[in-house]
Amino acid sequence: MHTQAKHARLSEKIVGRPAYDPQVLHRELCHDQDGKRYTVIVYRPFADLNVTRYELEDGTPVRFINDCLFEIESTGQTLTRCI
């Protein structure tokens, strides 16, 4: 009698974590024109690509303008790096 290898069905496969967690490169302390402080998280979302993303601690997307400025994408509010 021949035995056959058992093949896992889709429902039997274990779903794990993604192969790569975003890598936080650093955090930038910033403030708006009223002095309110923000933390911009600079991270790399994909291991194999040289792509850098920026967001606030709550996940709000931020756009890099130059070495001194960021912009909150949803509001257009400008943030300056704290010195």
N, C-alpha and C. Protein backbone atom coordinates (compact mmCIF):
# COMPACT_ATOMS: atom_id res chain seq x y z
N MET A 1 0.83 -1.16 0.00
CA MET A 1 0.00 0.00 0.00
C MET A 1 0.89 1.24 0.00
N HIS A 2 0.60 2.19 -0.87
CA HIS A 2 1.38 3.43 -0.96
C HIS A 2 0.78 4.48 -0.04
N THR A 3 1.66 5.22 0.60
CA THR A 3 1.18 6.33 1.42
C THR A 3 1.45 7.63 0.68
N GLN A 4 0.59 8.57 0.86
CA GLN A 4 0.75 9.87 0.22
C GLN A 4 1.06 10.91 1.29
N ALA A 5 1.88 11.86 0.88
CA ALA A 5 2.21 12.95 1.79
C ALA A 5 0.97 13.78 2.04
N LYS A 6 0.79 14.19 3.26
CA LYS A 6 -0.34 15.02 3.61
C LYS A 6 -0.03 16.47 3.22
N HIS A 7 -0.94 17.10 2.52
CA HIS A 7 -0.78 18.49 2.11
C HIS A 7 -1.67 19.35 2.99
N ALA A 8 -1.10 20.39 3.53
CA ALA A 8 -1.88 21.29 4.37
C ALA A 8 -2.85 22.08 3.51
N ARG A 9 -4.06 22.14 3.98
CA ARG A 9 -5.05 22.97 3.30
C ARG A 9 -4.88 24.40 3.77
N LEU A 10 -5.43 25.34 3.02
CA LEU A 10 -5.29 26.76 3.34
C LEU A 10 -5.75 27.05 4.75
N SER A 11 -6.83 26.44 5.19
CA SER A 11 -7.36 26.71 6.52
C SER A 11 -6.46 26.18 7.62
N GLU A 12 -5.55 25.27 7.30
CA GLU A 12 -4.67 24.69 8.30
C GLU A 12 -3.34 25.44 8.43
N LYS A 13 -3.08 26.36 7.54
CA LYS A 13 -1.82 27.10 7.60
C LYS A 13 -1.88 28.15 8.70
N ILE A 14 -0.76 28.36 9.33
CA ILE A 14 -0.67 29.35 10.39
C ILE A 14 -0.31 30.68 9.78
N VAL A 15 -1.10 31.68 10.10
CA VAL A 15 -0.83 33.02 9.60
C VAL A 15 0.05 33.71 10.62
N GLY A 16 1.21 34.14 10.19
CA GLY A 16 2.17 34.76 11.10
C GLY A 16 2.25 36.26 10.90
N ARG A 17 3.23 36.82 11.52
CA ARG A 17 3.50 38.25 11.38
C ARG A 17 4.11 38.53 10.02
N PRO A 18 4.06 39.77 9.57
CA PRO A 18 4.73 40.10 8.31
C PRO A 18 6.21 39.79 8.40
N ALA A 19 6.84 39.58 7.27
CA ALA A 19 8.25 39.22 7.24
C ALA A 19 9.14 40.36 7.75
N TYR A 20 8.61 41.60 7.77
CA TYR A 20 9.44 42.73 8.17
C TYR A 20 8.60 43.72 8.94
N ASP A 21 9.08 44.13 10.08
CA ASP A 21 8.45 45.20 10.84
C ASP A 21 9.14 46.50 10.44
N PRO A 22 8.38 47.59 10.32
CA PRO A 22 9.02 48.86 9.99
C PRO A 22 10.13 49.20 10.97
N GLN A 23 11.23 49.68 10.45
CA GLN A 23 12.39 50.00 11.27
C GLN A 23 12.40 51.49 11.60
N VAL A 24 12.27 51.82 12.88
CA VAL A 24 12.33 53.21 13.31
C VAL A 24 13.79 53.63 13.26
N LEU A 25 14.07 54.67 12.49
CA LEU A 25 15.44 55.17 12.36
C LEU A 25 15.77 56.14 13.49
N HIS A 26 14.86 57.08 13.75
CA HIS A 26 15.02 58.00 14.87
C HIS A 26 13.74 58.81 15.06
N ARG A 27 13.73 59.63 16.10
CA ARG A 27 12.59 60.49 16.42
C ARG A 27 13.08 61.93 16.45
N GLU A 28 12.27 62.82 15.91
CA GLU A 28 12.61 64.24 15.87
C GLU A 28 11.65 65.01 16.76
N LEU A 29 12.19 65.76 17.73
CA LEU A 29 11.36 66.63 18.55
C LEU A 29 11.11 67.91 17.78
N CYS A 30 9.84 68.29 17.64
CA CYS A 30 9.47 69.47 16.86
C CYS A 30 8.43 70.28 17.63
N HIS A 31 8.14 71.47 17.09
CA HIS A 31 7.08 72.30 17.67
C HIS A 31 6.42 73.10 16.56
N ASP A 32 5.17 73.52 16.82
CA ASP A 32 4.47 74.37 15.85
C ASP A 32 4.69 75.83 16.21
N GLN A 33 4.03 76.73 15.50
CA GLN A 33 4.26 78.16 15.74
C GLN A 33 3.74 78.63 17.09
N ASP A 34 2.82 77.85 17.70
CA ASP A 34 2.30 78.20 19.03
C ASP A 34 3.12 77.58 20.16
N GLY A 35 4.14 76.80 19.82
CA GLY A 35 5.00 76.19 20.82
C GLY A 35 4.57 74.80 21.25
N LYS A 36 3.48 74.27 20.67
CA LYS A 36 3.04 72.92 21.01
C LYS A 36 4.06 71.93 20.47
N ARG A 37 4.43 70.96 21.31
CA ARG A 37 5.47 69.99 20.94
C ARG A 37 4.88 68.76 20.26
N TYR A 38 5.64 68.23 19.31
CA TYR A 38 5.28 67.03 18.57
C TYR A 38 6.53 66.16 18.45
N THR A 39 6.31 64.86 18.27
CA THR A 39 7.42 63.95 17.98
C THR A 39 7.17 63.35 16.61
N VAL A 40 8.08 63.57 15.67
CA VAL A 40 8.00 62.99 14.34
C VAL A 40 8.86 61.72 14.34
N ILE A 41 8.23 60.62 13.96
CA ILE A 41 8.94 59.34 13.89
C ILE A 41 9.42 59.14 12.46
N VAL A 42 10.70 58.90 12.31
CA VAL A 42 11.31 58.67 11.00
C VAL A 42 11.57 57.17 10.90
N TYR A 43 10.97 56.52 9.89
CA TYR A 43 11.12 55.07 9.80
C TYR A 43 11.24 54.59 8.36
N ARG A 44 11.69 53.38 8.23
CA ARG A 44 11.83 52.73 6.92
C ARG A 44 10.78 51.60 6.88
N PRO A 45 9.73 51.73 6.03
CA PRO A 45 8.65 50.75 6.03
C PRO A 45 8.98 49.43 5.35
N PHE A 46 9.98 49.39 4.49
CA PHE A 46 10.32 48.18 3.74
C PHE A 46 11.82 47.91 3.86
N ALA A 47 12.16 46.69 4.17
CA ALA A 47 13.56 46.34 4.38
C ALA A 47 14.40 46.48 3.11
N ASP A 48 13.83 46.13 1.97
CA ASP A 48 14.61 46.07 0.74
C ASP A 48 14.63 47.38 -0.05
N LEU A 49 13.88 48.38 0.39
CA LEU A 49 13.82 49.63 -0.34
C LEU A 49 14.38 50.76 0.51
N ASN A 50 15.05 51.68 -0.14
CA ASN A 50 15.60 52.84 0.55
C ASN A 50 14.55 53.95 0.57
N VAL A 51 13.42 53.67 1.24
CA VAL A 51 12.30 54.60 1.34
C VAL A 51 12.17 55.00 2.80
N THR A 52 12.05 56.29 3.05
CA THR A 52 11.88 56.79 4.40
C THR A 52 10.52 57.45 4.52
N ARG A 53 9.82 57.15 5.61
CA ARG A 53 8.50 57.73 5.86
C ARG A 53 8.56 58.51 7.17
N TYR A 54 7.61 59.43 7.32
CA TYR A 54 7.54 60.28 8.49
C TYR A 54 6.10 60.30 8.99
N GLU A 55 5.94 60.21 10.31
CA GLU A 55 4.60 60.33 10.88
C GLU A 55 4.71 60.77 12.34
N LEU A 56 3.60 61.31 12.85
CA LEU A 56 3.55 61.66 14.26
C LEU A 56 3.34 60.40 15.08
N GLU A 57 3.48 60.51 16.39
CA GLU A 57 3.32 59.34 17.26
C GLU A 57 1.95 58.70 17.13
N ASP A 58 0.92 59.48 16.77
CA ASP A 58 -0.43 58.92 16.63
C ASP A 58 -0.69 58.34 15.25
N GLY A 59 0.33 58.35 14.37
CA GLY A 59 0.20 57.78 13.04
C GLY A 59 -0.16 58.77 11.95
N THR A 60 -0.34 60.04 12.30
CA THR A 60 -0.66 61.07 11.31
C THR A 60 0.51 61.26 10.36
N PRO A 61 0.28 61.15 9.04
CA PRO A 61 1.38 61.32 8.07
C PRO A 61 1.95 62.74 8.09
N VAL A 62 3.26 62.81 7.98
CA VAL A 62 3.99 64.07 7.97
C VAL A 62 4.89 64.07 6.74
N ARG A 63 5.00 65.24 6.11
CA ARG A 63 5.85 65.38 4.92
C ARG A 63 7.14 66.10 5.30
N PHE A 64 8.26 65.57 4.84
CA PHE A 64 9.56 66.20 5.04
C PHE A 64 9.68 67.36 4.06
N ILE A 65 9.97 68.55 4.55
CA ILE A 65 10.15 69.72 3.67
C ILE A 65 11.63 69.98 3.46
N ASN A 66 12.35 70.18 4.55
CA ASN A 66 13.80 70.35 4.48
C ASN A 66 14.39 69.96 5.83
N ASP A 67 15.67 70.22 6.04
CA ASP A 67 16.32 69.79 7.28
C ASP A 67 15.73 70.42 8.53
N CYS A 68 14.97 71.49 8.39
CA CYS A 68 14.41 72.16 9.56
C CYS A 68 12.89 72.06 9.67
N LEU A 69 12.20 71.65 8.61
CA LEU A 69 10.74 71.72 8.61
C LEU A 69 10.07 70.41 8.18
N PHE A 70 8.92 70.16 8.82
CA PHE A 70 7.99 69.10 8.42
C PHE A 70 6.63 69.74 8.25
N GLU A 71 5.74 69.05 7.55
CA GLU A 71 4.38 69.54 7.39
C GLU A 71 3.40 68.40 7.68
N ILE A 72 2.42 68.67 8.54
CA ILE A 72 1.37 67.68 8.79
C ILE A 72 0.49 67.67 7.55
N GLU A 73 0.42 66.52 6.87
CA GLU A 73 -0.24 66.44 5.56
C GLU A 73 -1.72 66.80 5.62
N SER A 74 -2.42 66.38 6.65
CA SER A 74 -3.87 66.60 6.70
C SER A 74 -4.26 68.04 6.99
N THR A 75 -3.39 68.80 7.66
CA THR A 75 -3.74 70.16 8.05
C THR A 75 -2.89 71.23 7.37
N GLY A 76 -1.73 70.84 6.85
CA GLY A 76 -0.82 71.82 6.26
C GLY A 76 -0.02 72.58 7.31
N GLN A 77 -0.16 72.20 8.57
CA GLN A 77 0.55 72.86 9.65
C GLN A 77 2.04 72.53 9.59
N THR A 78 2.87 73.56 9.72
CA THR A 78 4.32 73.40 9.64
C THR A 78 4.89 73.15 11.04
N LEU A 79 5.81 72.20 11.11
CA LEU A 79 6.50 71.89 12.36
C LEU A 79 7.98 72.17 12.18
N THR A 80 8.59 72.77 13.19
CA THR A 80 10.01 73.08 13.19
C THR A 80 10.72 72.16 14.16
N ARG A 81 11.90 71.71 13.78
CA ARG A 81 12.67 70.86 14.70
C ARG A 81 13.11 71.67 15.92
N CYS A 82 12.97 71.07 17.07
CA CYS A 82 13.40 71.74 18.30
C CYS A 82 14.92 71.68 18.40
N ILE A 83 15.48 72.75 18.84
CA ILE A 83 16.95 72.82 18.97
C ILE A 83 17.32 72.85 20.43
